[in-house]
Amino acid sequence: MINAAKSGVFTIGGKAKVHRLGFGAMRTIGDGVWGPPKDKPQAMATLRRVPELGVDFIDTADAYGPDISENLICEALYPYDGLLIATKGGLSRSGPNRWAPEGDPDYLIGAAKRSRDRLKVETIALWQLHRIDPDVPRGEQFAAIKSLLDTGVIAQAGLSNVSVEEIEAARKVFPVVTVQNQYNLVSRGSEDVLDYCQKHGIGFIPWYPLAAGDLARRGSLLDGIAKKHQATPAQIALAWVLKRSPVTLPIPGTGKVKHLEENVAAAEIVLSDQEFAALDKEGRKA
């Protein structure tokens, strides 16, 4: 039986245990991460299938829709029995594929409170700053997050799209329990961030974890390893991310049940050290 439990367990902030293979809810809405899903019944079926597959960590954001993803999650899964729903704030939207940082402290606090209302929870289990706004002193943004923690609006906090230096600056103000950066087999710009997170026990949430680029072509090393495991290249790429570090919490997203089941099946794939090293070497060349 397909079950995300096979991916192992990570305890976020020493408080919240989750299976390492999670679910990203961005793709359950419309094109350009804007508006309602084209096929709402399929999106709802996908969300309801998530916990049935042992996935207990769901990542979303107020910017997805905007607001729509959080509303769908609430409609499909409330009261979230056994689930950790993480959301993000700090980006405003003006249209499809348009994202703008919004780091005003009052905006961030209001955004978190509105997410809390949409999710119908007293406290958001994990809230992450979607991006540091370069036009607002970051200390003010971090202070707003500390305020959210101190007032019980959120239980734990993390950052997204950040450098090691920015993580260290934030940790002087509040406990950073997760970091969410782009990372996959061929997008390796956050290697130093991942290493830092592993050293300090911070959960590293790689977004876009399935990507393999040209490595997925027929006859490639990745293709050969996939055939050996009777898997798809995307499944092998995801298994590689899981093996990369005990703190990685990949959140592959989809709006279709079939793709969700394929993604979760990657938790069963055990790459050998030799396969991992060979893929690592190829990925660094890409």
C-alpha atoms as a PDB file:
ATOM      1  CA  MET A   1       0.000   0.000   0.000  1.00  0.00           C
ATOM      2  CA  ILE A   2       1.298   3.467  -0.926  1.00  0.00           C
ATOM      3  CA  ASN A   3       2.008   5.446   2.233  1.00  0.00           C
ATOM      4  CA  ALA A   4       4.033   8.570   2.903  1.00  0.00           C
ATOM      5  CA  ALA A   5       5.083   7.088   6.249  1.00  0.00           C
ATOM      6  CA  LYS A   6       7.753   5.219   4.305  1.00  0.00           C
ATOM      7  CA  SER A   7       9.526   8.546   3.757  1.00  0.00           C
ATOM      8  CA  GLY A   8      10.422   8.728   7.447  1.00  0.00           C
ATOM      9  CA  VAL A   9       9.604  11.279  10.142  1.00  0.00           C
ATOM     10  CA  PHE A  10      10.872  14.764  10.945  1.00  0.00           C
ATOM     11  CA  THR A  11       9.938  16.785  14.012  1.00  0.00           C
ATOM     12  CA  ILE A  12       9.483  20.443  13.090  1.00  0.00           C
ATOM     13  CA  GLY A  13      10.901  22.694  15.769  1.00  0.00           C
ATOM     14  CA  GLY A  14      11.157  19.746  18.111  1.00  0.00           C
ATOM     15  CA  LYS A  15       7.371  19.922  18.499  1.00  0.00           C
ATOM     16  CA  ALA A  16       5.433  18.706  15.476  1.00  0.00           C
ATOM     17  CA  LYS A  17       6.121  15.286  13.958  1.00  0.00           C
ATOM     18  CA  VAL A  18       5.325  14.869  10.273  1.00  0.00           C
ATOM     19  CA  HIS A  19       6.072  12.346   7.566  1.00  0.00           C
ATOM     20  CA  ARG A  20       8.867  13.796   5.471  1.00  0.00           C
ATOM     21  CA  LEU A  21       6.996  13.569   2.171  1.00  0.00           C
ATOM     22  CA  GLY A  22       4.385  16.315   2.221  1.00  0.00           C
ATOM     23  CA  PHE A  23       1.997  17.940  -0.229  1.00  0.00           C
ATOM     24  CA  GLY A  24       2.143  21.372  -1.850  1.00  0.00           C
ATOM     25  CA  ALA A  25      -1.302  22.833  -2.533  1.00  0.00           C
ATOM     26  CA  MET A  26      -0.290  25.466  -5.102  1.00  0.00           C
ATOM     27  CA  ARG A  27      -1.419  23.397  -8.084  1.00  0.00           C
ATOM     28  CA  THR A  28      -4.946  22.805  -6.794  1.00  0.00           C
ATOM     29  CA  ILE A  29      -6.067  26.197  -8.145  1.00  0.00           C
ATOM     30  CA  GLY A  30      -6.213  27.989 -11.506  1.00  0.00           C
ATOM     31  CA  ASP A  31      -3.551  28.686 -14.102  1.00  0.00           C
ATOM     32  CA  GLY A  32      -0.900  31.174 -13.081  1.00  0.00           C
ATOM     33  CA  VAL A  33      -1.712  30.274  -9.463  1.00  0.00           C
ATOM     34  CA  TRP A  34      -4.714  32.530  -9.884  1.00  0.00           C
ATOM     35  CA  GLY A  35      -8.438  31.970  -9.489  1.00  0.00           C
ATOM     36  CA  PRO A  36     -10.428  28.807  -8.810  1.00  0.00           C
ATOM     37  CA  PRO A  37      -9.427  25.388 -10.143  1.00  0.00           C
ATOM     38  CA  LYS A  38     -10.674  24.483 -13.604  1.00  0.00           C
ATOM     39  CA  ASP A  39     -11.914  21.176 -12.185  1.00  0.00           C
ATOM     40  CA  LYS A  40     -12.948  21.744  -8.575  1.00  0.00           C
ATOM     41  CA  PRO A  41     -14.234  18.166  -7.996  1.00  0.00           C
ATOM     42  CA  GLN A  42     -10.821  16.807  -9.068  1.00  0.00           C
ATOM     43  CA  ALA A  43      -9.006  19.320  -6.855  1.00  0.00           C
ATOM     44  CA  MET A  44     -11.189  18.426  -3.874  1.00  0.00           C
ATOM     45  CA  ALA A  45     -10.727  14.706  -4.517  1.00  0.00           C
ATOM     46  CA  THR A  46      -6.969  15.234  -4.606  1.00  0.00           C
ATOM     47  CA  LEU A  47      -6.963  17.106  -1.285  1.00  0.00           C
ATOM     48  CA  ARG A  48      -9.124  14.451   0.369  1.00  0.00           C
ATOM     49  CA  ARG A  49      -6.852  11.711  -0.946  1.00  0.00           C
ATOM     50  CA  VAL A  50      -3.793  13.338   0.684  1.00  0.00           C
ATOM     51  CA  PRO A  51      -4.337  12.042   4.261  1.00  0.00           C
ATOM     52  CA  GLU A  52      -5.496   8.663   2.974  1.00  0.00           C
ATOM     53  CA  LEU A  53      -1.969   8.200   1.594  1.00  0.00           C
ATOM     54  CA  GLY A  54      -0.310   8.985   4.923  1.00  0.00           C
ATOM     55  CA  VAL A  55       0.641  12.547   3.975  1.00  0.00           C
ATOM     56  CA  ASP A  56       0.197  14.662   7.092  1.00  0.00           C
ATOM     57  CA  PHE A  57       2.047  17.850   6.120  1.00  0.00           C
ATOM     58  CA  ILE A  58       0.360  20.263   3.697  1.00  0.00           C
ATOM     59  CA  ASP A  59       1.950  23.504   2.495  1.00  0.00           C
ATOM     60  CA  THR A  60      -0.063  26.401   1.122  1.00  0.00           C
ATOM     61  CA  ALA A  61      -0.037  30.226   1.087  1.00  0.00           C
ATOM     62  CA  ASP A  62      -2.471  33.106   1.166  1.00  0.00           C
ATOM     63  CA  ALA A  63      -1.076  34.166  -2.230  1.00  0.00           C
ATOM     64  CA  TYR A  64      -2.298  30.962  -3.898  1.00  0.00           C
ATOM     65  CA  GLY A  65      -5.480  32.140  -5.515  1.00  0.00           C
ATOM     66  CA  PRO A  66      -5.165  34.465  -3.670  1.00  0.00           C
ATOM     67  CA  ASP A  67      -6.961  32.969  -0.637  1.00  0.00           C
ATOM     68  CA  ILE A  68      -8.520  30.159  -2.682  1.00  0.00           C
ATOM     69  CA  SER A  69      -6.072  27.410  -1.730  1.00  0.00           C
ATOM     70  CA  GLU A  70      -6.615  27.960   1.988  1.00  0.00           C
ATOM     71  CA  ASN A  71     -10.384  27.957   1.469  1.00  0.00           C
ATOM     72  CA  LEU A  72     -10.241  24.708  -0.524  1.00  0.00           C
ATOM     73  CA  ILE A  73      -8.116  23.019   2.131  1.00  0.00           C
ATOM     74  CA  CYS A  74     -10.587  24.055   4.808  1.00  0.00           C
ATOM     75  CA  GLU A  75     -13.555  22.849   2.763  1.00  0.00           C
ATOM     76  CA  ALA A  76     -11.929  19.505   2.002  1.00  0.00           C
ATOM     77  CA  LEU A  77     -10.073  18.654   5.202  1.00  0.00           C
ATOM     78  CA  TYR A  78     -11.276  20.659   8.216  1.00  0.00           C
ATOM     79  CA  PRO A  79     -10.854  19.931  11.175  1.00  0.00           C
ATOM     80  CA  TYR A  80      -7.493  18.539   9.956  1.00  0.00           C
ATOM     81  CA  ASP A  81      -7.354  15.502  12.209  1.00  0.00           C
ATOM     82  CA  GLY A  82      -3.699  14.446  12.337  1.00  0.00           C
ATOM     83  CA  LEU A  83      -2.672  17.022   9.729  1.00  0.00           C
ATOM     84  CA  LEU A  84      -0.231  19.922   9.965  1.00  0.00           C
ATOM     85  CA  ILE A  85      -1.365  22.743   7.689  1.00  0.00           C
ATOM     86  CA  ALA A  86       1.433  25.211   6.992  1.00  0.00           C
ATOM     87  CA  THR A  87       0.781  28.480   5.196  1.00  0.00           C
ATOM     88  CA  LYS A  88       2.735  31.531   4.091  1.00  0.00           C
ATOM     89  CA  GLY A  89       2.250  35.287   3.871  1.00  0.00           C
ATOM     90  CA  GLY A  90       4.154  38.273   2.556  1.00  0.00           C
ATOM     91  CA  LEU A  91       3.325  38.350  -1.157  1.00  0.00           C
ATOM     92  CA  SER A  92       0.524  40.327  -2.788  1.00  0.00           C
ATOM     93  CA  ARG A  93      -1.091  39.395  -6.098  1.00  0.00           C
ATOM     94  CA  SER A  94      -2.383  41.517  -8.956  1.00  0.00           C
ATOM     95  CA  GLY A  95      -2.949  38.831 -11.566  1.00  0.00           C
ATOM     96  CA  PRO A  96      -1.830  35.435 -12.932  1.00  0.00           C
ATOM     97  CA  ASN A  97       1.868  34.759 -12.316  1.00  0.00           C
ATOM     98  CA  ARG A  98       2.287  38.182 -10.700  1.00  0.00           C
ATOM     99  CA  TRP A  99       3.899  38.271  -7.273  1.00  0.00           C
ATOM    100  CA  ALA A 100       5.028  41.282  -5.255  1.00  0.00           C
ATOM    101  CA  PRO A 101       6.688  41.263  -1.821  1.00  0.00           C
ATOM    102  CA  GLU A 102       4.635  42.971   0.886  1.00  0.00           C
ATOM    103  CA  GLY A 103       6.562  43.169   4.144  1.00  0.00           C
ATOM    104  CA  ASP A 104       4.835  45.961   6.020  1.00  0.00           C
ATOM    105  CA  PRO A 105       4.562  44.639   9.615  1.00  0.00           C
ATOM    106  CA  ASP A 106       0.862  45.479   9.908  1.00  0.00           C
ATOM    107  CA  TYR A 107       0.206  43.753   6.598  1.00  0.00           C
ATOM    108  CA  LEU A 108       2.046  40.588   7.693  1.00  0.00           C
ATOM    109  CA  ILE A 109       0.187  40.421  10.993  1.00  0.00           C
ATOM    110  CA  GLY A 110      -3.140  40.994   9.266  1.00  0.00           C
ATOM    111  CA  ALA A 111      -2.340  38.425   6.597  1.00  0.00           C
ATOM    112  CA  ALA A 112      -1.587  35.749   9.194  1.00  0.00           C
ATOM    113  CA  LYS A 113      -4.805  36.503  11.044  1.00  0.00           C
ATOM    114  CA  ARG A 114      -6.803  36.289   7.827  1.00  0.00           C
ATOM    115  CA  SER A 115      -5.155  32.940   6.999  1.00  0.00           C
ATOM    116  CA  ARG A 116      -6.078  31.735  10.473  1.00  0.00           C
ATOM    117  CA  ASP A 117      -9.704  32.692   9.837  1.00  0.00           C
ATOM    118  CA  ARG A 118      -9.823  31.016   6.427  1.00  0.00           C
ATOM    119  CA  LEU A 119      -8.343  27.818   7.836  1.00  0.00           C
ATOM    120  CA  LYS A 120     -10.716  28.033  10.838  1.00  0.00           C
ATOM    121  CA  VAL A 121      -7.989  27.393  13.415  1.00  0.00           C
ATOM    122  CA  GLU A 122      -7.174  29.151  16.666  1.00  0.00           C
ATOM    123  CA  THR A 123      -3.447  28.974  15.939  1.00  0.00           C
ATOM    124  CA  ILE A 124      -1.658  28.329  12.643  1.00  0.00           C
ATOM    125  CA  ALA A 125       0.684  25.388  13.230  1.00  0.00           C
ATOM    126  CA  LEU A 126       3.412  26.745  10.929  1.00  0.00           C
ATOM    127  CA  TRP A 127       3.502  30.139   9.210  1.00  0.00           C
ATOM    128  CA  GLN A 128       6.315  31.160   6.869  1.00  0.00           C
ATOM    129  CA  LEU A 129       7.365  34.521   5.463  1.00  0.00           C
ATOM    130  CA  HIS A 130       6.926  33.961   1.745  1.00  0.00           C
ATOM    131  CA  ARG A 131       9.713  36.360   0.814  1.00  0.00           C
ATOM    132  CA  ILE A 132      11.626  39.094   2.613  1.00  0.00           C
ATOM    133  CA  ASP A 133      10.502  42.454   1.227  1.00  0.00           C
ATOM    134  CA  PRO A 134      13.661  44.377   0.211  1.00  0.00           C
ATOM    135  CA  ASP A 135      11.809  47.692   0.608  1.00  0.00           C
ATOM    136  CA  VAL A 136      11.019  47.153   4.302  1.00  0.00           C
ATOM    137  CA  PRO A 137      13.715  46.783   6.982  1.00  0.00           C
ATOM    138  CA  ARG A 138      13.935  43.054   7.542  1.00  0.00           C
ATOM    139  CA  GLY A 139      14.185  43.573  11.279  1.00  0.00           C
ATOM    140  CA  GLU A 140      10.671  45.011  11.202  1.00  0.00           C
ATOM    141  CA  GLN A 141       9.413  41.977   9.296  1.00  0.00           C
ATOM    142  CA  PHE A 142      11.087  39.602  11.759  1.00  0.00           C
ATOM    143  CA  ALA A 143       9.627  41.562  14.690  1.00  0.00           C
ATOM    144  CA  ALA A 144       6.158  41.114  13.206  1.00  0.00           C
ATOM    145  CA  ILE A 145       6.726  37.359  13.084  1.00  0.00           C
ATOM    146  CA  LYS A 146       7.848  37.363  16.709  1.00  0.00           C
ATOM    147  CA  SER A 147       4.663  39.241  17.568  1.00  0.00           C
ATOM    148  CA  LEU A 148       2.589  36.567  15.827  1.00  0.00           C
ATOM    149  CA  LEU A 149       4.356  33.917  17.890  1.00  0.00           C
ATOM    150  CA  ASP A 150       4.034  35.853  21.152  1.00  0.00           C
ATOM    151  CA  THR A 151       0.305  36.419  20.666  1.00  0.00           C
ATOM    152  CA  GLY A 152      -0.463  32.824  19.682  1.00  0.00           C
ATOM    153  CA  VAL A 153      -1.613  33.611  16.160  1.00  0.00           C
ATOM    154  CA  ILE A 154       1.010  31.121  14.951  1.00  0.00           C
ATOM    155  CA  ALA A 155       2.688  28.255  16.793  1.00  0.00           C
ATOM    156  CA  GLN A 156       5.934  28.094  14.794  1.00  0.00           C
ATOM    157  CA  ALA A 157       7.553  30.183  12.088  1.00  0.00           C
ATOM    158  CA  GLY A 158       9.786  29.753   9.070  1.00  0.00           C
ATOM    159  CA  LEU A 159      11.222  31.597   6.074  1.00  0.00           C
ATOM    160  CA  SER A 160      11.111  31.133   2.317  1.00  0.00           C
ATOM    161  CA  ASN A 161      13.463  32.136  -0.499  1.00  0.00           C
ATOM    162  CA  VAL A 162      16.306  33.141   1.816  1.00  0.00           C
ATOM    163  CA  SER A 163      20.080  32.953   2.208  1.00  0.00           C
ATOM    164  CA  VAL A 164      22.086  31.609   5.142  1.00  0.00           C
ATOM    165  CA  GLU A 165      22.855  35.174   6.228  1.00  0.00           C
ATOM    166  CA  GLU A 166      19.154  36.027   6.289  1.00  0.00           C
ATOM    167  CA  ILE A 167      18.334  32.918   8.310  1.00  0.00           C
ATOM    168  CA  GLU A 168      20.974  33.824  10.868  1.00  0.00           C
ATOM    169  CA  ALA A 169      19.605  37.375  11.136  1.00  0.00           C
ATOM    170  CA  ALA A 170      16.073  36.075  11.665  1.00  0.00           C
ATOM    171  CA  ARG A 171      17.172  33.547  14.302  1.00  0.00           C
ATOM    172  CA  LYS A 172      18.330  36.437  16.470  1.00  0.00           C
ATOM    173  CA  VAL A 173      14.670  37.523  16.665  1.00  0.00           C
ATOM    174  CA  PHE A 174      12.609  34.309  16.623  1.00  0.00           C
ATOM    175  CA  PRO A 175      13.171  30.536  16.273  1.00  0.00           C
ATOM    176  CA  VAL A 176      13.334  29.610  12.583  1.00  0.00           C
ATOM    177  CA  VAL A 177      12.021  26.043  12.347  1.00  0.00           C
ATOM    178  CA  THR A 178      11.709  25.687   8.550  1.00  0.00           C
ATOM    179  CA  VAL A 179      13.213  27.148   5.396  1.00  0.00           C
ATOM    180  CA  GLN A 180      11.522  26.805   2.016  1.00  0.00           C
ATOM    181  CA  ASN A 181      13.756  27.357  -1.027  1.00  0.00           C
ATOM    182  CA  GLN A 182      13.811  26.021  -4.556  1.00  0.00           C
ATOM    183  CA  TYR A 183      15.848  22.839  -4.643  1.00  0.00           C
ATOM    184  CA  ASN A 184      15.890  19.684  -6.731  1.00  0.00           C
ATOM    185  CA  LEU A 185      18.252  17.381  -8.559  1.00  0.00           C
ATOM    186  CA  VAL A 186      19.273  20.081 -11.049  1.00  0.00           C
ATOM    187  CA  SER A 187      18.535  23.317  -9.132  1.00  0.00           C
ATOM    188  CA  ARG A 188      21.287  23.331  -6.546  1.00  0.00           C
ATOM    189  CA  GLY A 189      21.670  26.999  -5.686  1.00  0.00           C
ATOM    190  CA  SER A 190      20.607  26.398  -2.084  1.00  0.00           C
ATOM    191  CA  GLU A 191      23.141  23.711  -1.191  1.00  0.00           C
ATOM    192  CA  ASP A 192      24.651  25.957   1.489  1.00  0.00           C
ATOM    193  CA  VAL A 193      21.199  26.706   2.927  1.00  0.00           C
ATOM    194  CA  LEU A 194      20.356  23.011   3.080  1.00  0.00           C
ATOM    195  CA  ASP A 195      23.667  22.217   4.777  1.00  0.00           C
ATOM    196  CA  TYR A 196      23.017  25.000   7.301  1.00  0.00           C
ATOM    197  CA  CYS A 197      19.535  23.666   8.001  1.00  0.00           C
ATOM    198  CA  GLN A 198      20.858  20.144   8.512  1.00  0.00           C
ATOM    199  CA  LYS A 199      23.518  21.406  10.912  1.00  0.00           C
ATOM    200  CA  HIS A 200      20.940  23.287  12.984  1.00  0.00           C
ATOM    201  CA  GLY A 201      18.021  20.851  12.804  1.00  0.00           C
ATOM    202  CA  ILE A 202      15.884  23.186  10.692  1.00  0.00           C
ATOM    203  CA  GLY A 203      13.378  21.582   8.335  1.00  0.00           C
ATOM    204  CA  PHE A 204      14.267  22.290   4.695  1.00  0.00           C
ATOM    205  CA  ILE A 205      11.222  22.372   2.415  1.00  0.00           C
ATOM    206  CA  PRO A 206      12.369  22.180  -1.219  1.00  0.00           C
ATOM    207  CA  TRP A 207       9.849  23.601  -3.644  1.00  0.00           C
ATOM    208  CA  TYR A 208       9.736  22.273  -7.190  1.00  0.00           C
ATOM    209  CA  PRO A 209      11.350  19.022  -5.944  1.00  0.00           C
ATOM    210  CA  LEU A 210      10.429  16.858  -8.957  1.00  0.00           C
ATOM    211  CA  ALA A 211      12.426  18.745 -11.567  1.00  0.00           C
ATOM    212  CA  ALA A 212      15.154  16.849 -13.384  1.00  0.00           C
ATOM    213  CA  GLY A 213      15.662  18.922 -16.529  1.00  0.00           C
ATOM    214  CA  ASP A 214      17.632  17.266 -19.314  1.00  0.00           C
ATOM    215  CA  LEU A 215      18.628  14.469 -16.934  1.00  0.00           C
ATOM    216  CA  ALA A 216      15.208  12.912 -17.576  1.00  0.00           C
ATOM    217  CA  ARG A 217      15.872  12.339 -21.282  1.00  0.00           C
ATOM    218  CA  ARG A 218      15.737   8.815 -22.692  1.00  0.00           C
ATOM    219  CA  GLY A 219      18.917   6.870 -22.283  1.00  0.00           C
ATOM    220  CA  SER A 220      20.223   9.119 -19.516  1.00  0.00           C
ATOM    221  CA  LEU A 221      21.607   7.946 -16.191  1.00  0.00           C
ATOM    222  CA  LEU A 222      18.361   9.022 -14.510  1.00  0.00           C
ATOM    223  CA  ASP A 223      16.285   7.181 -17.087  1.00  0.00           C
ATOM    224  CA  GLY A 224      18.320   4.015 -16.532  1.00  0.00           C
ATOM    225  CA  ILE A 225      17.972   4.169 -12.750  1.00  0.00           C
ATOM    226  CA  ALA A 226      14.240   4.800 -13.119  1.00  0.00           C
ATOM    227  CA  LYS A 227      13.827   1.705 -15.285  1.00  0.00           C
ATOM    228  CA  LYS A 228      15.812  -0.354 -12.799  1.00  0.00           C
ATOM    229  CA  HIS A 229      13.419   0.668 -10.029  1.00  0.00           C
ATOM    230  CA  GLN A 230      10.356   0.415 -12.311  1.00  0.00           C
ATOM    231  CA  ALA A 231       9.694   4.059 -11.591  1.00  0.00           C
ATOM    232  CA  THR A 232       9.400   7.351 -13.444  1.00  0.00           C
ATOM    233  CA  PRO A 233      12.303   9.829 -13.635  1.00  0.00           C
ATOM    234  CA  ALA A 234      10.268  12.238 -11.486  1.00  0.00           C
ATOM    235  CA  GLN A 235       9.864   9.588  -8.801  1.00  0.00           C
ATOM    236  CA  ILE A 236      13.620   8.955  -8.780  1.00  0.00           C
ATOM    237  CA  ALA A 237      14.293  12.701  -8.596  1.00  0.00           C
ATOM    238  CA  LEU A 238      11.994  12.890  -5.571  1.00  0.00           C
ATOM    239  CA  ALA A 239      13.602   9.849  -3.948  1.00  0.00           C
ATOM    240  CA  TRP A 240      16.967  11.555  -4.442  1.00  0.00           C
ATOM    241  CA  VAL A 241      15.757  14.681  -2.623  1.00  0.00           C
ATOM    242  CA  LEU A 242      14.517  12.545   0.272  1.00  0.00           C
ATOM    243  CA  LYS A 243      17.872  10.779   0.527  1.00  0.00           C
ATOM    244  CA  ARG A 244      19.863  14.011   0.249  1.00  0.00           C
ATOM    245  CA  SER A 245      19.349  14.973   3.912  1.00  0.00           C
ATOM    246  CA  PRO A 246      17.278  13.848   6.900  1.00  0.00           C
ATOM    247  CA  VAL A 247      15.876  17.388   7.171  1.00  0.00           C
ATOM    248  CA  THR A 248      14.427  17.605   3.632  1.00  0.00           C
ATOM    249  CA  LEU A 249      10.624  17.815   3.557  1.00  0.00           C
ATOM    250  CA  PRO A 250       9.693  17.795  -0.142  1.00  0.00           C
ATOM    251  CA  ILE A 251       6.181  18.975  -1.015  1.00  0.00           C
ATOM    252  CA  PRO A 252       5.407  17.882  -4.585  1.00  0.00           C
ATOM    253  CA  GLY A 253       2.131  19.398  -5.701  1.00  0.00           C
ATOM    254  CA  THR A 254      -0.598  18.416  -8.126  1.00  0.00           C
ATOM    255  CA  GLY A 255      -4.295  18.866  -8.710  1.00  0.00           C
ATOM    256  CA  LYS A 256      -4.855  15.281  -9.831  1.00  0.00           C
ATOM    257  CA  VAL A 257      -5.295  12.149  -7.740  1.00  0.00           C
ATOM    258  CA  LYS A 258      -3.252   9.959 -10.095  1.00  0.00           C
ATOM    259  CA  HIS A 259      -0.232  12.261  -9.934  1.00  0.00           C
ATOM    260  CA  LEU A 260      -0.552  12.510  -6.163  1.00  0.00           C
ATOM    261  CA  GLU A 261      -0.425   8.729  -5.851  1.00  0.00           C
ATOM    262  CA  GLU A 262       2.597   8.571  -8.162  1.00  0.00           C
ATOM    263  CA  ASN A 263       4.412  11.165  -6.073  1.00  0.00           C
ATOM    264  CA  VAL A 264       3.729   9.444  -2.776  1.00  0.00           C
ATOM    265  CA  ALA A 265       4.869   6.110  -4.239  1.00  0.00           C
ATOM    266  CA  ALA A 266       8.353   7.637  -4.459  1.00  0.00           C
ATOM    267  CA  ALA A 267       8.600   7.214  -0.687  1.00  0.00           C
ATOM    268  CA  GLU A 268       9.039   3.476  -1.298  1.00  0.00           C
ATOM    269  CA  ILE A 269      12.058   3.886  -3.556  1.00  0.00           C
ATOM    270  CA  VAL A 270      15.383   3.252  -1.858  1.00  0.00           C
ATOM    271  CA  LEU A 271      18.329   4.486  -3.877  1.00  0.00           C
ATOM    272  CA  SER A 272      21.703   2.890  -3.266  1.00  0.00           C
ATOM    273  CA  ASP A 273      24.568   5.107  -2.164  1.00  0.00           C
ATOM    274  CA  GLN A 274      26.141   4.560  -5.571  1.00  0.00           C
ATOM    275  CA  GLU A 275      22.981   5.604  -7.416  1.00  0.00           C
ATOM    276  CA  PHE A 276      22.620   8.667  -5.205  1.00  0.00           C
ATOM    277  CA  ALA A 277      26.231   9.722  -5.771  1.00  0.00           C
ATOM    278  CA  ALA A 278      26.018   9.220  -9.532  1.00  0.00           C
ATOM    279  CA  LEU A 279      22.828  11.294  -9.751  1.00  0.00           C
ATOM    280  CA  ASP A 280      24.353  13.941  -7.494  1.00  0.00           C
ATOM    281  CA  LYS A 281      27.345  14.263  -9.815  1.00  0.00           C
ATOM    282  CA  GLU A 282      25.145  14.537 -12.906  1.00  0.00           C
ATOM    283  CA  GLY A 283      22.818  17.029 -11.211  1.00  0.00           C
ATOM    284  CA  ARG A 284      25.681  19.338 -10.312  1.00  0.00           C
ATOM    285  CA  LYS A 285      26.717  19.474 -13.973  1.00  0.00           C
ATOM    286  CA  ALA A 286      23.245  20.522 -15.121  1.00  0.00           C
END
